[in-house]
Amino acid sequence: MESNFPFLLLMLVVFVFFIILPQHRRQRREKRFMNSLKRGDRVITKSGVHAKIIDVIEKDDTCLIQTLSGKLKIERTAISLEMSSKIKPSSMKKN
């Protein structure tokens, strides 16, 4: 039983460093991105729609965006950090 303890401890450390910490970093980066969205930003939604933010509505956590087809009201979580960073990479790739 005692010989398994170091192995279990090593497994726990590996689990934390390779699974939990990267996930927390990604969540913090996405939260910062969502909070930094402002009027005039060009974004891409997770479904691939290219748009420009017209208004950010804080009370229900949505955005009003302008596409070539018209205006849409979407949830902020529908905006993709990874795809939007291709449009303006310098301001979004900070940790």
C-alpha atoms as a PDB file:
ATOM      1  CA  MET A   1       0.000   0.000   0.000  1.00  0.00           C
ATOM      2  CA  GLU A   2       2.777   2.452   0.848  1.00  0.00           C
ATOM      3  CA  SER A   3       4.564   1.821  -2.446  1.00  0.00           C
ATOM      4  CA  ASN A   4       1.518   3.112  -4.370  1.00  0.00           C
ATOM      5  CA  PHE A   5       1.445   6.477  -2.600  1.00  0.00           C
ATOM      6  CA  PRO A   6       4.267   8.151  -4.622  1.00  0.00           C
ATOM      7  CA  PHE A   7       2.718   6.885  -7.855  1.00  0.00           C
ATOM      8  CA  LEU A   8      -0.705   8.265  -6.910  1.00  0.00           C
ATOM      9  CA  LEU A   9       0.828  11.576  -5.903  1.00  0.00           C
ATOM     10  CA  LEU A  10       2.663  11.784  -9.228  1.00  0.00           C
ATOM     11  CA  MET A  11      -0.573  11.022 -11.101  1.00  0.00           C
ATOM     12  CA  LEU A  12      -2.343  13.814  -9.203  1.00  0.00           C
ATOM     13  CA  VAL A  13       0.410  16.315 -10.006  1.00  0.00           C
ATOM     14  CA  VAL A  14       0.357  15.363 -13.696  1.00  0.00           C
ATOM     15  CA  PHE A  15      -3.434  15.657 -13.764  1.00  0.00           C
ATOM     16  CA  VAL A  16      -3.336  19.118 -12.217  1.00  0.00           C
ATOM     17  CA  PHE A  17      -0.563  20.493 -14.460  1.00  0.00           C
ATOM     18  CA  PHE A  18      -1.753  19.052 -17.754  1.00  0.00           C
ATOM     19  CA  ILE A  19      -5.538  19.180 -17.425  1.00  0.00           C
ATOM     20  CA  ILE A  20      -6.796  21.552 -14.737  1.00  0.00           C
ATOM     21  CA  LEU A  21      -4.348  24.494 -15.006  1.00  0.00           C
ATOM     22  CA  PRO A  22      -4.554  24.930 -18.806  1.00  0.00           C
ATOM     23  CA  GLN A  23      -8.343  24.853 -18.591  1.00  0.00           C
ATOM     24  CA  HIS A  24      -8.347  27.578 -15.909  1.00  0.00           C
ATOM     25  CA  ARG A  25      -5.977  29.738 -17.958  1.00  0.00           C
ATOM     26  CA  ARG A  26      -8.188  29.408 -21.026  1.00  0.00           C
ATOM     27  CA  GLN A  27     -11.305  30.305 -19.011  1.00  0.00           C
ATOM     28  CA  ARG A  28      -9.637  33.409 -17.549  1.00  0.00           C
ATOM     29  CA  ARG A  29      -8.445  34.507 -21.009  1.00  0.00           C
ATOM     30  CA  GLU A  30     -11.961  34.055 -22.463  1.00  0.00           C
ATOM     31  CA  LYS A  31     -13.536  35.947 -19.549  1.00  0.00           C
ATOM     32  CA  ARG A  32     -11.118  38.861 -20.053  1.00  0.00           C
ATOM     33  CA  PHE A  33     -11.925  38.823 -23.775  1.00  0.00           C
ATOM     34  CA  MET A  34     -15.692  38.879 -23.141  1.00  0.00           C
ATOM     35  CA  ASN A  35     -15.338  41.757 -20.672  1.00  0.00           C
ATOM     36  CA  SER A  36     -13.123  43.755 -23.046  1.00  0.00           C
ATOM     37  CA  LEU A  37     -15.583  43.697 -25.964  1.00  0.00           C
ATOM     38  CA  LYS A  38     -16.604  47.196 -26.944  1.00  0.00           C
ATOM     39  CA  ARG A  39     -18.431  49.070 -29.638  1.00  0.00           C
ATOM     40  CA  GLY A  40     -16.632  48.986 -32.982  1.00  0.00           C
ATOM     41  CA  ASP A  41     -14.705  45.741 -32.400  1.00  0.00           C
ATOM     42  CA  ARG A  42     -14.656  43.321 -35.323  1.00  0.00           C
ATOM     43  CA  VAL A  43     -15.413  39.753 -34.216  1.00  0.00           C
ATOM     44  CA  ILE A  44     -16.170  36.287 -35.527  1.00  0.00           C
ATOM     45  CA  THR A  45     -18.832  34.193 -33.832  1.00  0.00           C
ATOM     46  CA  LYS A  46     -18.347  30.528 -33.016  1.00  0.00           C
ATOM     47  CA  SER A  47     -20.588  29.706 -35.963  1.00  0.00           C
ATOM     48  CA  GLY A  48     -18.329  31.678 -38.327  1.00  0.00           C
ATOM     49  CA  VAL A  49     -20.300  34.904 -38.773  1.00  0.00           C
ATOM     50  CA  HIS A  50     -18.039  37.933 -39.307  1.00  0.00           C
ATOM     51  CA  ALA A  51     -19.455  41.056 -37.684  1.00  0.00           C
ATOM     52  CA  LYS A  52     -18.842  44.402 -36.047  1.00  0.00           C
ATOM     53  CA  ILE A  53     -20.133  45.128 -32.537  1.00  0.00           C
ATOM     54  CA  ILE A  54     -22.689  47.927 -32.506  1.00  0.00           C
ATOM     55  CA  ASP A  55     -23.600  47.809 -28.811  1.00  0.00           C
ATOM     56  CA  VAL A  56     -22.724  45.789 -25.720  1.00  0.00           C
ATOM     57  CA  ILE A  57     -25.702  45.213 -23.428  1.00  0.00           C
ATOM     58  CA  GLU A  58     -24.412  44.600 -19.904  1.00  0.00           C
ATOM     59  CA  LYS A  59     -27.684  43.737 -18.163  1.00  0.00           C
ATOM     60  CA  ASP A  60     -28.385  40.561 -20.145  1.00  0.00           C
ATOM     61  CA  ASP A  61     -24.789  39.850 -21.274  1.00  0.00           C
ATOM     62  CA  THR A  62     -25.499  40.188 -24.995  1.00  0.00           C
ATOM     63  CA  CYS A  63     -24.142  42.134 -27.959  1.00  0.00           C
ATOM     64  CA  LEU A  64     -25.813  43.779 -30.895  1.00  0.00           C
ATOM     65  CA  ILE A  65     -23.726  43.051 -33.989  1.00  0.00           C
ATOM     66  CA  GLN A  66     -23.856  44.294 -37.569  1.00  0.00           C
ATOM     67  CA  THR A  67     -23.304  41.792 -40.378  1.00  0.00           C
ATOM     68  CA  LEU A  68     -23.618  42.263 -44.120  1.00  0.00           C
ATOM     69  CA  SER A  69     -27.144  40.839 -43.829  1.00  0.00           C
ATOM     70  CA  GLY A  70     -28.298  43.071 -40.989  1.00  0.00           C
ATOM     71  CA  LYS A  71     -28.251  43.362 -37.233  1.00  0.00           C
ATOM     72  CA  LEU A  72     -28.275  40.474 -34.759  1.00  0.00           C
ATOM     73  CA  LYS A  73     -28.526  40.272 -30.997  1.00  0.00           C
ATOM     74  CA  ILE A  74     -26.292  37.468 -29.696  1.00  0.00           C
ATOM     75  CA  GLU A  75     -24.903  36.203 -26.410  1.00  0.00           C
ATOM     76  CA  ARG A  76     -21.356  37.338 -25.681  1.00  0.00           C
ATOM     77  CA  THR A  77     -20.370  33.704 -25.223  1.00  0.00           C
ATOM     78  CA  ALA A  78     -21.188  33.108 -28.898  1.00  0.00           C
ATOM     79  CA  ILE A  79     -18.160  35.197 -29.899  1.00  0.00           C
ATOM     80  CA  SER A  80     -15.033  33.142 -30.499  1.00  0.00           C
ATOM     81  CA  LEU A  81     -11.768  34.303 -28.956  1.00  0.00           C
ATOM     82  CA  GLU A  82      -9.662  32.070 -31.205  1.00  0.00           C
ATOM     83  CA  MET A  83     -11.311  33.099 -34.464  1.00  0.00           C
ATOM     84  CA  SER A  84     -11.594  36.781 -33.519  1.00  0.00           C
ATOM     85  CA  SER A  85      -7.899  36.882 -32.631  1.00  0.00           C
ATOM     86  CA  LYS A  86      -7.137  36.296 -36.319  1.00  0.00           C
ATOM     87  CA  ILE A  87      -8.702  39.672 -37.084  1.00  0.00           C
ATOM     88  CA  LYS A  88      -6.703  41.686 -34.556  1.00  0.00           C
ATOM     89  CA  PRO A  89      -4.113  39.427 -32.927  1.00  0.00           C
ATOM     90  CA  SER A  90      -2.107  42.019 -31.016  1.00  0.00           C
ATOM     91  CA  SER A  91      -4.765  42.886 -28.421  1.00  0.00           C
ATOM     92  CA  MET A  92      -6.151  39.390 -27.809  1.00  0.00           C
ATOM     93  CA  LYS A  93      -3.130  37.143 -27.489  1.00  0.00           C
ATOM     94  CA  LYS A  94      -2.015  38.547 -24.144  1.00  0.00           C
ATOM     95  CA  ASN A  95      -2.141  36.135 -21.189  1.00  0.00           C
END
